[in-house]
Amino acid sequence: MAAEKSFYMTQEGKDKLEEELHYLKTDRRQEVVERIKVARDFGDLSENSEYDAAKDEQAFVEQRITQVENMIRNAVIIENDNEDPNVVGMGKSVTFVELPDGDEETYTIVGSAEADPFEGKISNDSPMAKSLLGQEIGQEVSVATPAGDIEVRITNVE
């Protein structure tokens, strides 16, 4: 039997997943059942696109429930209590400046389950996070990006 993947996340990320799971199991699941019931009343199921769409949505919701349950079951909560506050680590925000004279950017390094680049949260599996993890304030680091490698200087870790 293959070992299940661990999902690194903050306590906040786990709480959000638990809220999503509750919503999916109570409200969303019931909404889809109602759509199926209404679509069934339209008649012949073999030519009923509303019924097919509702069944597809039901499959999606059930798949997401299974996925979220798996992520919660295999969650590893990120804790930084005993780590050096000047070193980039999981769950920490890192601010850096592109060299020689680029813009300042700040990202929080989280597990893939709660990564959201638009919210400033990058996955620990991303090339950028891999380059920054374990580095200290003041260090210059080469970071791989789709447009090519860039040099950055770490200015802050929180």
N, C-alpha and C. Protein backbone atom coordinates (compact mmCIF):
# COMPACT_ATOMS: atom_id res chain seq x y z
N MET A 1 0.84 -1.17 0.00
CA MET A 1 0.00 0.00 0.00
C MET A 1 0.89 1.24 0.00
N ALA A 2 0.61 2.16 -0.88
CA ALA A 2 1.42 3.37 -1.00
C ALA A 2 1.12 4.32 0.14
N ALA A 3 2.16 4.99 0.61
CA ALA A 3 1.99 5.97 1.68
C ALA A 3 1.24 7.19 1.11
N GLU A 4 0.33 7.73 1.91
CA GLU A 4 -0.43 8.89 1.46
C GLU A 4 0.42 10.14 1.60
N LYS A 5 0.20 11.08 0.70
CA LYS A 5 0.94 12.33 0.67
C LYS A 5 0.55 13.21 1.86
N SER A 6 1.54 13.84 2.46
CA SER A 6 1.28 14.80 3.53
C SER A 6 0.97 16.16 2.91
N PHE A 7 0.06 16.88 3.53
CA PHE A 7 -0.30 18.22 3.06
C PHE A 7 0.10 19.22 4.13
N TYR A 8 1.15 19.98 3.85
CA TYR A 8 1.63 20.98 4.79
C TYR A 8 0.74 22.21 4.71
N MET A 9 0.30 22.69 5.87
CA MET A 9 -0.56 23.86 5.90
C MET A 9 -0.52 24.52 7.27
N THR A 10 -0.95 25.76 7.28
CA THR A 10 -1.07 26.47 8.55
C THR A 10 -2.36 26.02 9.22
N GLN A 11 -2.51 26.34 10.48
CA GLN A 11 -3.76 26.01 11.18
C GLN A 11 -4.92 26.75 10.51
N GLU A 12 -4.67 27.97 10.06
CA GLU A 12 -5.70 28.75 9.36
C GLU A 12 -6.13 28.04 8.08
N GLY A 13 -5.17 27.48 7.34
CA GLY A 13 -5.49 26.75 6.12
C GLY A 13 -6.33 25.52 6.40
N LYS A 14 -6.00 24.80 7.47
CA LYS A 14 -6.77 23.61 7.84
C LYS A 14 -8.18 24.00 8.25
N ASP A 15 -8.30 25.09 8.99
CA ASP A 15 -9.63 25.56 9.40
C ASP A 15 -10.49 25.90 8.19
N LYS A 16 -9.89 26.53 7.18
CA LYS A 16 -10.63 26.86 5.96
C LYS A 16 -11.09 25.60 5.24
N LEU A 17 -10.24 24.59 5.19
CA LEU A 17 -10.63 23.33 4.56
C LEU A 17 -11.78 22.67 5.32
N GLU A 18 -11.73 22.73 6.64
CA GLU A 18 -12.82 22.14 7.44
C GLU A 18 -14.13 22.88 7.20
N GLU A 19 -14.06 24.21 7.04
CA GLU A 19 -15.27 24.99 6.72
C GLU A 19 -15.80 24.60 5.34
N GLU A 20 -14.89 24.47 4.37
CA GLU A 20 -15.31 24.08 3.02
C GLU A 20 -15.96 22.70 3.04
N LEU A 21 -15.37 21.77 3.78
CA LEU A 21 -15.93 20.42 3.86
C LEU A 21 -17.33 20.45 4.46
N HIS A 22 -17.51 21.22 5.51
CA HIS A 22 -18.83 21.33 6.13
C HIS A 22 -19.85 21.88 5.12
N TYR A 23 -19.47 22.94 4.39
CA TYR A 23 -20.35 23.53 3.38
C TYR A 23 -20.69 22.50 2.28
N LEU A 24 -19.68 21.79 1.80
CA LEU A 24 -19.91 20.82 0.72
C LEU A 24 -20.85 19.70 1.17
N LYS A 25 -20.65 19.21 2.39
CA LYS A 25 -21.45 18.09 2.88
C LYS A 25 -22.88 18.49 3.25
N THR A 26 -23.07 19.71 3.67
CA THR A 26 -24.41 20.11 4.10
C THR A 26 -25.12 20.87 2.98
N ASP A 27 -24.73 22.08 2.71
CA ASP A 27 -25.44 22.93 1.76
C ASP A 27 -25.28 22.49 0.30
N ARG A 28 -24.05 22.38 -0.15
CA ARG A 28 -23.80 22.13 -1.59
C ARG A 28 -24.35 20.79 -2.04
N ARG A 29 -24.12 19.77 -1.26
CA ARG A 29 -24.61 18.44 -1.60
C ARG A 29 -26.14 18.46 -1.75
N GLN A 30 -26.82 19.14 -0.83
CA GLN A 30 -28.28 19.22 -0.86
C GLN A 30 -28.76 20.02 -2.07
N GLU A 31 -28.05 21.10 -2.42
CA GLU A 31 -28.41 21.89 -3.60
C GLU A 31 -28.37 21.04 -4.86
N VAL A 32 -27.34 20.22 -4.99
CA VAL A 32 -27.19 19.38 -6.18
C VAL A 32 -28.29 18.31 -6.22
N VAL A 33 -28.62 17.74 -5.09
CA VAL A 33 -29.70 16.75 -5.03
C VAL A 33 -31.01 17.39 -5.50
N GLU A 34 -31.25 18.61 -5.08
CA GLU A 34 -32.47 19.32 -5.51
C GLU A 34 -32.46 19.57 -7.02
N ARG A 35 -31.31 19.95 -7.57
CA ARG A 35 -31.21 20.16 -9.02
C ARG A 35 -31.48 18.87 -9.77
N ILE A 36 -30.98 17.75 -9.27
CA ILE A 36 -31.23 16.46 -9.92
C ILE A 36 -32.72 16.14 -9.87
N LYS A 37 -33.34 16.39 -8.73
CA LYS A 37 -34.77 16.11 -8.57
C LYS A 37 -35.60 16.93 -9.55
N VAL A 38 -35.29 18.23 -9.68
CA VAL A 38 -36.01 19.10 -10.61
C VAL A 38 -35.76 18.66 -12.05
N ALA A 39 -34.52 18.34 -12.38
CA ALA A 39 -34.18 17.94 -13.75
C ALA A 39 -34.86 16.62 -14.12
N ARG A 40 -35.03 15.74 -13.15
CA ARG A 40 -35.69 14.46 -13.40
C ARG A 40 -37.14 14.67 -13.84
N ASP A 41 -37.76 15.72 -13.34
CA ASP A 41 -39.15 16.03 -13.67
C ASP A 41 -39.32 16.53 -15.10
N PHE A 42 -38.22 16.87 -15.77
CA PHE A 42 -38.31 17.35 -17.15
C PHE A 42 -38.60 16.24 -18.15
N GLY A 43 -38.58 15.00 -17.73
CA GLY A 43 -38.95 13.91 -18.62
C GLY A 43 -37.79 13.00 -18.97
N ASP A 44 -37.79 12.52 -20.19
CA ASP A 44 -36.85 11.53 -20.70
C ASP A 44 -35.40 11.86 -20.32
N LEU A 45 -34.81 11.01 -19.48
CA LEU A 45 -33.45 11.26 -18.98
C LEU A 45 -32.39 11.10 -20.07
N SER A 46 -32.68 10.33 -21.11
CA SER A 46 -31.67 10.11 -22.16
C SER A 46 -31.39 11.37 -22.98
N GLU A 47 -32.32 12.33 -22.98
CA GLU A 47 -32.12 13.57 -23.73
C GLU A 47 -32.25 14.79 -22.83
N ASN A 48 -31.94 14.64 -21.56
CA ASN A 48 -32.15 15.70 -20.59
C ASN A 48 -30.81 16.30 -20.19
N SER A 49 -30.47 17.44 -20.81
CA SER A 49 -29.17 18.05 -20.55
C SER A 49 -29.08 18.62 -19.13
N GLU A 50 -30.19 19.08 -18.57
CA GLU A 50 -30.18 19.59 -17.20
C GLU A 50 -29.83 18.47 -16.22
N TYR A 51 -30.38 17.29 -16.47
CA TYR A 51 -30.10 16.14 -15.61
C TYR A 51 -28.63 15.75 -15.72
N ASP A 52 -28.12 15.70 -16.95
CA ASP A 52 -26.70 15.36 -17.16
C ASP A 52 -25.78 16.36 -16.46
N ALA A 53 -26.11 17.65 -16.57
CA ALA A 53 -25.28 18.68 -15.94
C ALA A 53 -25.33 18.55 -14.42
N ALA A 54 -26.51 18.27 -13.88
CA ALA A 54 -26.64 18.12 -12.43
C ALA A 54 -25.87 16.90 -11.94
N LYS A 55 -25.92 15.81 -12.69
CA LYS A 55 -25.17 14.60 -12.31
C LYS A 55 -23.67 14.86 -12.38
N ASP A 56 -23.22 15.60 -13.39
CA ASP A 56 -21.81 15.96 -13.49
C ASP A 56 -21.39 16.82 -12.29
N GLU A 57 -22.24 17.75 -11.91
CA GLU A 57 -21.95 18.60 -10.76
C GLU A 57 -21.90 17.77 -9.48
N GLN A 58 -22.79 16.80 -9.37
CA GLN A 58 -22.79 15.92 -8.20
C GLN A 58 -21.47 15.15 -8.12
N ALA A 59 -20.99 14.66 -9.25
CA ALA A 59 -19.72 13.93 -9.27
C ALA A 59 -18.58 14.84 -8.85
N PHE A 60 -18.62 16.09 -9.34
CA PHE A 60 -17.57 17.05 -8.97
C PHE A 60 -17.59 17.31 -7.46
N VAL A 61 -18.78 17.55 -6.90
CA VAL A 61 -18.89 17.84 -5.47
C VAL A 61 -18.39 16.65 -4.65
N GLU A 62 -18.78 15.44 -5.02
CA GLU A 62 -18.36 14.25 -4.28
C GLU A 62 -16.85 14.05 -4.37
N GLN A 63 -16.29 14.33 -5.55
CA GLN A 63 -14.84 14.23 -5.72
C GLN A 63 -14.12 15.25 -4.84
N ARG A 64 -14.64 16.48 -4.79
CA ARG A 64 -14.02 17.52 -3.96
C ARG A 64 -14.13 17.16 -2.48
N ILE A 65 -15.25 16.58 -2.06
CA ILE A 65 -15.41 16.15 -0.67
C ILE A 65 -14.32 15.13 -0.32
N THR A 66 -14.12 14.15 -1.19
CA THR A 66 -13.10 13.13 -0.97
C THR A 66 -11.71 13.76 -0.90
N GLN A 67 -11.45 14.69 -1.80
CA GLN A 67 -10.15 15.36 -1.84
C GLN A 67 -9.90 16.16 -0.57
N VAL A 68 -10.89 16.93 -0.12
CA VAL A 68 -10.73 17.75 1.08
C VAL A 68 -10.58 16.86 2.31
N GLU A 69 -11.37 15.79 2.40
CA GLU A 69 -11.23 14.87 3.53
C GLU A 69 -9.82 14.28 3.59
N ASN A 70 -9.27 13.92 2.43
CA ASN A 70 -7.92 13.38 2.36
C ASN A 70 -6.89 14.41 2.82
N MET A 71 -7.07 15.66 2.39
CA MET A 71 -6.13 16.71 2.76
C MET A 71 -6.18 16.97 4.27
N ILE A 72 -7.36 16.97 4.85
CA ILE A 72 -7.50 17.19 6.30
C ILE A 72 -6.90 16.01 7.06
N ARG A 73 -7.19 14.80 6.61
CA ARG A 73 -6.69 13.59 7.27
C ARG A 73 -5.16 13.54 7.27
N ASN A 74 -4.54 14.03 6.20
CA ASN A 74 -3.08 13.97 6.06
C ASN A 74 -2.41 15.33 6.27
N ALA A 75 -3.11 16.23 6.96
CA ALA A 75 -2.57 17.57 7.21
C ALA A 75 -1.40 17.51 8.18
N VAL A 76 -0.38 18.28 7.88
CA VAL A 76 0.76 18.48 8.78
C VAL A 76 0.79 19.98 9.04
N ILE A 77 0.50 20.35 10.28
CA ILE A 77 0.42 21.77 10.63
C ILE A 77 1.82 22.35 10.75
N ILE A 78 2.03 23.47 10.08
CA ILE A 78 3.31 24.17 10.09
C ILE A 78 3.43 24.96 11.38
N GLU A 79 4.48 24.70 12.13
CA GLU A 79 4.74 25.44 13.36
C GLU A 79 6.18 25.94 13.32
N ASN A 80 6.35 27.20 13.67
CA ASN A 80 7.68 27.82 13.62
C ASN A 80 8.18 28.24 15.00
N ASP A 81 7.66 27.62 16.04
CA ASP A 81 7.98 28.05 17.41
C ASP A 81 9.47 27.99 17.73
N ASN A 82 10.17 26.95 17.28
CA ASN A 82 11.57 26.76 17.68
C ASN A 82 12.56 27.13 16.58
N GLU A 83 12.09 27.79 15.53
CA GLU A 83 12.98 28.11 14.42
C GLU A 83 13.60 29.49 14.57
N ASP A 84 14.75 29.67 13.95
CA ASP A 84 15.44 30.96 13.93
C ASP A 84 14.55 31.98 13.21
N PRO A 85 14.24 33.10 13.84
CA PRO A 85 13.35 34.09 13.22
C PRO A 85 13.94 34.78 11.99
N ASN A 86 15.24 34.65 11.77
CA ASN A 86 15.89 35.28 10.61
C ASN A 86 16.03 34.35 9.42
N VAL A 87 15.54 33.12 9.54
CA VAL A 87 15.68 32.13 8.47
C VAL A 87 14.32 31.89 7.81
N VAL A 88 14.31 31.85 6.49
CA VAL A 88 13.08 31.60 5.74
C VAL A 88 12.64 30.15 5.97
N GLY A 89 11.38 29.98 6.33
CA GLY A 89 10.84 28.65 6.56
C GLY A 89 9.37 28.58 6.19
N MET A 90 8.81 27.39 6.27
CA MET A 90 7.40 27.17 5.97
C MET A 90 6.55 27.98 6.94
N GLY A 91 5.50 28.61 6.42
CA GLY A 91 4.59 29.38 7.24
C GLY A 91 5.07 30.80 7.52
N LYS A 92 6.25 31.14 7.05
CA LYS A 92 6.78 32.48 7.27
C LYS A 92 6.61 33.33 6.02
N SER A 93 6.54 34.65 6.26
CA SER A 93 6.51 35.60 5.15
C SER A 93 7.94 36.07 4.91
N VAL A 94 8.30 36.13 3.64
CA VAL A 94 9.65 36.58 3.29
C VAL A 94 9.53 37.76 2.33
N THR A 95 10.29 38.80 2.62
CA THR A 95 10.33 39.98 1.76
C THR A 95 11.71 40.03 1.13
N PHE A 96 11.72 40.29 -0.18
CA PHE A 96 13.00 40.37 -0.89
C PHE A 96 12.94 41.46 -1.94
N VAL A 97 14.13 41.86 -2.39
CA VAL A 97 14.27 42.87 -3.43
C VAL A 97 15.01 42.22 -4.58
N GLU A 98 14.48 42.42 -5.80
CA GLU A 98 15.19 41.92 -6.99
C GLU A 98 16.43 42.79 -7.19
N LEU A 99 17.54 42.15 -7.53
CA LEU A 99 18.78 42.88 -7.76
C LEU A 99 18.98 43.10 -9.25
N PRO A 100 19.60 44.15 -9.67
CA PRO A 100 20.26 45.15 -8.86
C PRO A 100 19.31 46.20 -8.27
N ASP A 101 18.20 46.52 -8.91
CA ASP A 101 17.37 47.62 -8.40
C ASP A 101 15.88 47.35 -8.63
N GLY A 102 15.46 46.13 -8.34
CA GLY A 102 14.08 45.74 -8.60
C GLY A 102 13.11 46.11 -7.51
N ASP A 103 11.89 45.66 -7.71
CA ASP A 103 10.82 45.93 -6.75
C ASP A 103 10.92 45.01 -5.55
N GLU A 104 10.34 45.47 -4.46
CA GLU A 104 10.26 44.66 -3.26
C GLU A 104 8.99 43.81 -3.34
N GLU A 105 9.11 42.54 -2.99
CA GLU A 105 7.96 41.63 -3.00
C GLU A 105 7.94 40.84 -1.71
N THR A 106 6.73 40.48 -1.26
CA THR A 106 6.56 39.69 -0.05
C THR A 106 5.66 38.51 -0.35
N TYR A 107 6.08 37.33 0.07
CA TYR A 107 5.29 36.11 -0.08
C TYR A 107 5.32 35.32 1.22
N THR A 108 4.24 34.62 1.48
CA THR A 108 4.20 33.68 2.58
C THR A 108 4.36 32.29 1.99
N ILE A 109 5.25 31.49 2.56
CA ILE A 109 5.49 30.14 2.05
C ILE A 109 4.59 29.17 2.81
N VAL A 110 3.70 28.53 2.07
CA VAL A 110 2.72 27.62 2.65
C VAL A 110 2.77 26.29 1.90
N GLY A 111 2.01 25.33 2.35
CA GLY A 111 1.91 24.06 1.64
C GLY A 111 1.09 24.22 0.38
N SER A 112 1.19 23.25 -0.51
CA SER A 112 0.49 23.33 -1.79
C SER A 112 -1.02 23.39 -1.63
N ALA A 113 -1.55 22.86 -0.53
CA ALA A 113 -3.00 22.84 -0.31
C ALA A 113 -3.58 24.24 -0.15
N GLU A 114 -2.81 25.20 0.34
CA GLU A 114 -3.35 26.54 0.54
C GLU A 114 -2.63 27.62 -0.25
N ALA A 115 -1.82 27.21 -1.23
CA ALA A 115 -1.11 28.18 -2.06
C ALA A 115 -2.11 29.00 -2.88
N ASP A 116 -1.85 30.30 -2.94
CA ASP A 116 -2.67 31.23 -3.72
C ASP A 116 -1.81 32.44 -4.05
N PRO A 117 -1.13 32.40 -5.20
CA PRO A 117 -0.22 33.49 -5.55
C PRO A 117 -0.88 34.87 -5.55
N PHE A 118 -2.18 34.93 -5.88
CA PHE A 118 -2.87 36.22 -5.89
C PHE A 118 -3.05 36.78 -4.49
N GLU A 119 -2.97 35.91 -3.49
CA GLU A 119 -3.04 36.33 -2.09
C GLU A 119 -1.64 36.43 -1.46
N GLY A 120 -0.61 36.23 -2.27
CA GLY A 120 0.76 36.32 -1.77
C GLY A 120 1.21 35.05 -1.05
N LYS A 121 0.55 33.92 -1.31
CA LYS A 121 0.92 32.65 -0.68
C LYS A 121 1.45 31.72 -1.76
N ILE A 122 2.72 31.31 -1.62
CA ILE A 122 3.32 30.42 -2.61
C ILE A 122 3.59 29.05 -1.98
N SER A 123 3.51 28.03 -2.81
CA SER A 123 3.73 26.66 -2.37
C SER A 123 5.19 26.40 -2.05
N ASN A 124 5.40 25.59 -1.01
CA ASN A 124 6.76 25.19 -0.67
C ASN A 124 7.39 24.36 -1.79
N ASP A 125 6.58 23.85 -2.70
CA ASP A 125 7.08 23.06 -3.83
C ASP A 125 7.46 23.93 -5.03
N SER A 126 7.14 25.22 -4.98
CA SER A 126 7.43 26.10 -6.12
C SER A 126 8.94 26.37 -6.20
N PRO A 127 9.45 26.62 -7.41
CA PRO A 127 10.88 26.91 -7.56
C PRO A 127 11.33 28.11 -6.71
N MET A 128 10.47 29.13 -6.61
CA MET A 128 10.84 30.30 -5.82
C MET A 128 11.00 29.93 -4.35
N ALA A 129 10.02 29.22 -3.80
CA ALA A 129 10.09 28.85 -2.38
C ALA A 129 11.27 27.93 -2.13
N LYS A 130 11.52 26.99 -3.02
CA LYS A 130 12.65 26.08 -2.84
C LYS A 130 13.97 26.84 -2.78
N SER A 131 14.07 27.92 -3.57
CA SER A 131 15.30 28.72 -3.56
C SER A 131 15.44 29.51 -2.27
N LEU A 132 14.31 29.94 -1.69
CA LEU A 132 14.35 30.81 -0.52
C LEU A 132 14.41 30.06 0.80
N LEU A 133 13.84 28.87 0.87
CA LEU A 133 13.80 28.11 2.13
C LEU A 133 15.20 27.88 2.69
N GLY A 134 15.36 28.16 3.97
CA GLY A 134 16.63 27.95 4.65
C GLY A 134 17.61 29.11 4.54
N GLN A 135 17.26 30.12 3.75
CA GLN A 135 18.14 31.28 3.58
C GLN A 135 17.86 32.30 4.69
N GLU A 136 18.81 33.20 4.91
CA GLU A 136 18.69 34.18 6.00
C GLU A 136 18.55 35.59 5.46
N ILE A 137 18.09 36.48 6.36
CA ILE A 137 18.00 37.90 6.03
C ILE A 137 19.38 38.39 5.60
N GLY A 138 19.40 39.15 4.51
CA GLY A 138 20.65 39.72 4.00
C GLY A 138 21.30 38.88 2.92
N GLN A 139 20.92 37.61 2.81
CA GLN A 139 21.54 36.75 1.80
C GLN A 139 21.02 37.09 0.42
N GLU A 140 21.90 36.92 -0.57
CA GLU A 140 21.51 37.06 -1.97
C GLU A 140 21.33 35.65 -2.52
N VAL A 141 20.19 35.46 -3.21
CA VAL A 141 19.79 34.13 -3.65
C VAL A 141 19.40 34.17 -5.12
N SER A 142 19.77 33.13 -5.86
CA SER A 142 19.34 32.99 -7.24
C SER A 142 18.02 32.22 -7.24
N VAL A 143 17.00 32.82 -7.86
CA VAL A 143 15.66 32.23 -7.88
C VAL A 143 15.28 31.89 -9.31
N ALA A 144 14.85 30.66 -9.52
CA ALA A 144 14.42 30.23 -10.85
C ALA A 144 13.00 30.73 -11.10
N THR A 145 12.79 31.38 -12.25
CA THR A 145 11.45 31.82 -12.65
C THR A 145 11.23 31.37 -14.09
N PRO A 146 9.98 31.38 -14.55
CA PRO A 146 9.73 31.00 -15.95
C PRO A 146 10.47 31.88 -16.95
N ALA A 147 10.74 33.12 -16.57
CA ALA A 147 11.45 34.04 -17.47
C ALA A 147 12.97 33.95 -17.33
N GLY A 148 13.44 33.03 -16.48
CA GLY A 148 14.87 32.89 -16.26
C GLY A 148 15.22 33.19 -14.82
N ASP A 149 16.44 32.90 -14.44
CA ASP A 149 16.87 33.11 -13.07
C ASP A 149 16.99 34.60 -12.75
N ILE A 150 16.63 34.94 -11.51
CA ILE A 150 16.80 36.30 -11.03
C ILE A 150 17.55 36.25 -9.71
N GLU A 151 18.24 37.33 -9.40
CA GLU A 151 18.95 37.44 -8.13
C GLU A 151 18.12 38.32 -7.20
N VAL A 152 17.97 37.87 -5.96
CA VAL A 152 17.21 38.64 -4.97
C VAL A 152 18.01 38.73 -3.67
N ARG A 153 17.72 39.77 -2.89
CA ARG A 153 18.30 39.91 -1.55
C ARG A 153 17.13 39.85 -0.56
N ILE A 154 17.23 38.95 0.40
CA ILE A 154 16.20 38.80 1.42
C ILE A 154 16.33 39.97 2.39
N THR A 155 15.24 40.71 2.59
CA THR A 155 15.28 41.88 3.46
C THR A 155 14.53 41.68 4.78
N ASN A 156 13.59 40.74 4.80
CA ASN A 156 12.81 40.55 6.03
C ASN A 156 12.18 39.15 6.05
N VAL A 157 12.08 38.59 7.24
CA VAL A 157 11.40 37.31 7.45
C VAL A 157 10.50 37.48 8.68
N GLU A 158 9.24 37.14 8.52
CA GLU A 158 8.29 37.27 9.64
C GLU A 158 7.59 35.94 9.88
